[in-house]
Structure formats: structure tokens, C-alpha cells
Amino acid sequence: MQDATSSFITITTLNQTAEIGQIYKHNHLTVFCIWDRNRYKQIKAVDFLYMEADGNYSSIYLADGTSIYTSKPLKYWVEKLDAIQWLRIHQSFAVNPTKIEKVLWKNKQILVTGGKLLQASRRLIKFNLINL
């Protein structure tokens, strides 16, 4: 199966042409075009919760409870979706800082919107959260 995020296919979205994986503005909102299950999905930056690595694949979790499984590694998405200032809290997790509800320092966990607890590494949680 071809991964459309790496191609130069264009689609018309919201009266605007956008490349797959491209970031564009619509009504002052940052919107991303991402390939998901044989179709293109438009996702507002405010809807991203966190991303999880799975080897050379990754999952992007959204505020509405859905997720997108992609054939790209976490590093690719952190760099590609740089309009969101992602926090790397673990080798396997990146979090949208606007969606952090609570930091459990003793357990090295982060609670994100929706009640999901994410494990953080000792080094990255201190470095990234202190430098916020």
C-alpha cells in the first residue's frame, strides 16, 4: 500500500488546495491533511492529544477519541507537525502541551485530556516540562 503522506498528490479542502501532510490555515486555525485508511483527513491542531511510537510506525491520538495508525515513525510526525510544540516525554511518546492536565512527578506520568495516563522518562520529563 502506498503511503500518500510522502507523495505530492494534492486535494481540494475547504476551498483550498493542500498537499498531503501539509499545514495550512483556515479561519485562523492550523489544519493538517493526513492520509488515514484510504482517505484524506483534515485535522485541526487543537484536536491532537498525543502520539505514540510503534517501531517504524506510529499512532496519532485525537481529542474525539479516535486514532490514526501511520507507517511513519514518531520523529517524522514531530518534525512534520511542528506547528504544535510537541513535548517528547518518552522515547515512545510526544504530547501536545496544551492537552496536559496534570503531571504526576512521583510516578513520572502525565495525564492528558480524556483521562489517559502516559509514562514519561525521568530525563525527558524534567528537561521538557521545566523548559516549558
Protein backbone atom coordinates (compact mmCIF):
# COMPACT_ATOMS: atom_id res chain seq x y z
CA MET A 1 0.00 0.00 0.00
CA GLN A 2 1.35 3.41 -0.93
CA ASP A 3 1.73 5.94 1.88
CA ALA A 4 0.21 9.12 0.50
CA THR A 5 1.82 11.32 3.14
CA SER A 6 5.08 11.11 1.25
CA SER A 7 3.62 11.88 -2.17
CA PHE A 8 2.85 15.14 -3.88
CA ILE A 9 -0.82 14.38 -4.51
CA THR A 10 -2.99 17.41 -3.89
CA ILE A 11 -6.58 17.58 -2.77
CA THR A 12 -9.07 20.39 -2.54
CA THR A 13 -10.07 21.06 1.04
CA LEU A 14 -12.12 23.90 2.42
CA ASN A 15 -11.88 25.78 -0.91
CA GLN A 16 -8.11 25.45 -0.82
CA THR A 17 -5.64 23.02 -2.37
CA ALA A 18 -3.30 21.35 0.11
CA GLU A 19 -0.55 18.77 -0.19
CA ILE A 20 -0.88 15.67 1.92
CA GLY A 21 0.89 16.25 5.21
CA GLN A 22 0.84 19.97 4.53
CA ILE A 23 -0.15 22.51 7.11
CA TYR A 24 -2.50 25.29 6.12
CA LYS A 25 -4.60 27.95 7.81
CA HIS A 26 -8.40 28.09 7.74
CA ASN A 27 -10.28 30.68 9.80
CA HIS A 28 -7.13 31.26 11.90
CA LEU A 29 -6.89 27.55 12.77
CA THR A 30 -3.93 25.40 11.81
CA VAL A 31 -5.17 22.36 9.89
CA PHE A 32 -3.20 19.26 8.84
CA CYS A 33 -4.01 16.90 5.97
CA ILE A 34 -3.19 13.30 6.88
CA TRP A 35 -3.82 10.05 4.99
CA ASP A 36 -5.98 7.66 7.05
CA ARG A 37 -7.46 4.37 5.85
CA ASN A 38 -7.75 5.10 2.13
CA ARG A 39 -8.90 8.69 2.54
CA TYR A 40 -7.57 12.10 3.47
CA LYS A 41 -8.43 13.51 6.85
CA GLN A 42 -8.31 17.17 7.86
CA ILE A 43 -7.32 17.60 11.49
CA LYS A 44 -7.13 20.85 13.41
CA ALA A 45 -4.01 21.33 15.52
CA VAL A 46 -6.17 21.81 18.61
CA ASP A 47 -7.52 18.26 18.18
CA PHE A 48 -4.16 16.46 18.61
CA LEU A 49 -3.64 14.88 22.07
CA TYR A 50 -0.51 12.77 21.79
CA MET A 51 1.44 10.43 19.54
CA GLU A 52 2.84 7.01 20.32
CA ALA A 53 5.70 5.22 18.57
CA ASP A 54 5.42 1.60 17.50
CA GLY A 55 8.76 0.78 15.90
CA ASN A 56 8.75 2.34 12.42
CA TYR A 57 5.03 3.06 12.76
CA SER A 58 3.16 5.48 14.97
CA SER A 59 -0.31 6.25 16.25
CA ILE A 60 -1.76 9.75 16.46
CA TYR A 61 -4.48 10.13 19.11
CA LEU A 62 -7.13 12.82 18.75
CA ALA A 63 -9.43 14.65 21.18
CA ASP A 64 -12.54 12.92 19.83
CA GLY A 65 -11.17 9.52 20.96
CA THR A 66 -10.11 8.31 17.52
CA SER A 67 -6.61 7.42 16.42
CA ILE A 68 -4.70 7.26 13.16
CA TYR A 69 -2.16 4.48 12.64
CA THR A 70 0.57 5.56 10.23
CA SER A 71 3.54 3.98 8.51
CA LYS A 72 5.84 6.80 9.57
CA PRO A 73 7.94 6.92 12.77
CA LEU A 74 7.22 9.30 15.62
CA LYS A 75 10.20 11.51 14.74
CA TYR A 76 8.73 12.14 11.27
CA TRP A 77 5.43 13.40 12.71
CA VAL A 78 7.04 15.52 15.43
CA GLU A 79 9.04 17.32 12.72
CA LYS A 80 6.22 17.43 10.15
CA LEU A 81 3.59 18.72 12.59
CA ASP A 82 5.91 21.33 14.06
CA ALA A 83 3.15 23.95 14.34
CA ILE A 84 2.33 22.12 17.57
CA GLN A 85 5.21 22.46 20.01
CA TRP A 86 5.30 18.74 20.83
CA LEU A 87 6.91 17.65 24.08
CA ARG A 88 8.88 14.42 23.90
CA ILE A 89 8.21 12.86 27.30
CA HIS A 90 9.50 9.40 26.43
CA GLN A 91 11.19 7.65 23.54
CA SER A 92 7.72 6.37 22.63
CA PHE A 93 5.52 9.40 23.37
CA ALA A 94 5.11 13.01 22.25
CA VAL A 95 2.40 15.17 23.84
CA ASN A 96 0.60 18.31 22.75
CA PRO A 97 1.43 20.60 25.73
CA THR A 98 -1.94 22.35 25.58
CA LYS A 99 -3.60 18.99 26.37
CA ILE A 100 -1.66 18.23 29.57
CA GLU A 101 -4.00 18.27 32.57
CA LYS A 102 -1.67 17.12 35.32
CA VAL A 103 1.90 15.93 35.86
CA LEU A 104 2.38 13.14 38.40
CA TRP A 105 6.05 13.71 39.26
CA LYS A 106 6.35 10.82 41.70
CA ASN A 107 5.08 8.24 39.19
CA LYS A 108 6.66 10.01 36.17
CA GLN A 109 3.32 10.12 34.39
CA ILE A 110 1.37 12.75 32.51
CA LEU A 111 -2.41 12.96 32.46
CA VAL A 112 -3.77 14.27 29.17
CA THR A 113 -7.26 15.47 28.28
CA GLY A 114 -9.60 12.50 28.22
CA GLY A 115 -8.02 10.80 31.24
CA LYS A 116 -5.18 8.91 29.53
CA LEU A 117 -2.02 8.46 31.63
CA LEU A 118 1.24 8.44 29.68
CA GLN A 119 4.53 7.15 31.06
CA ALA A 120 7.40 9.64 30.92
CA SER A 121 11.13 9.05 31.14
CA ARG A 122 12.99 10.51 34.09
CA ARG A 123 15.32 12.62 31.93
CA LEU A 124 12.82 13.89 29.36
CA ILE A 125 10.04 14.82 31.79
CA LYS A 126 12.40 17.04 33.79
CA PHE A 127 14.08 18.65 30.79
CA ASN A 128 11.00 19.29 28.67
CA LEU A 129 8.49 20.29 31.34
CA ILE A 130 10.84 22.60 33.21
CA ASN A 131 11.74 24.36 29.95
CA LEU A 132 8.09 24.98 29.00
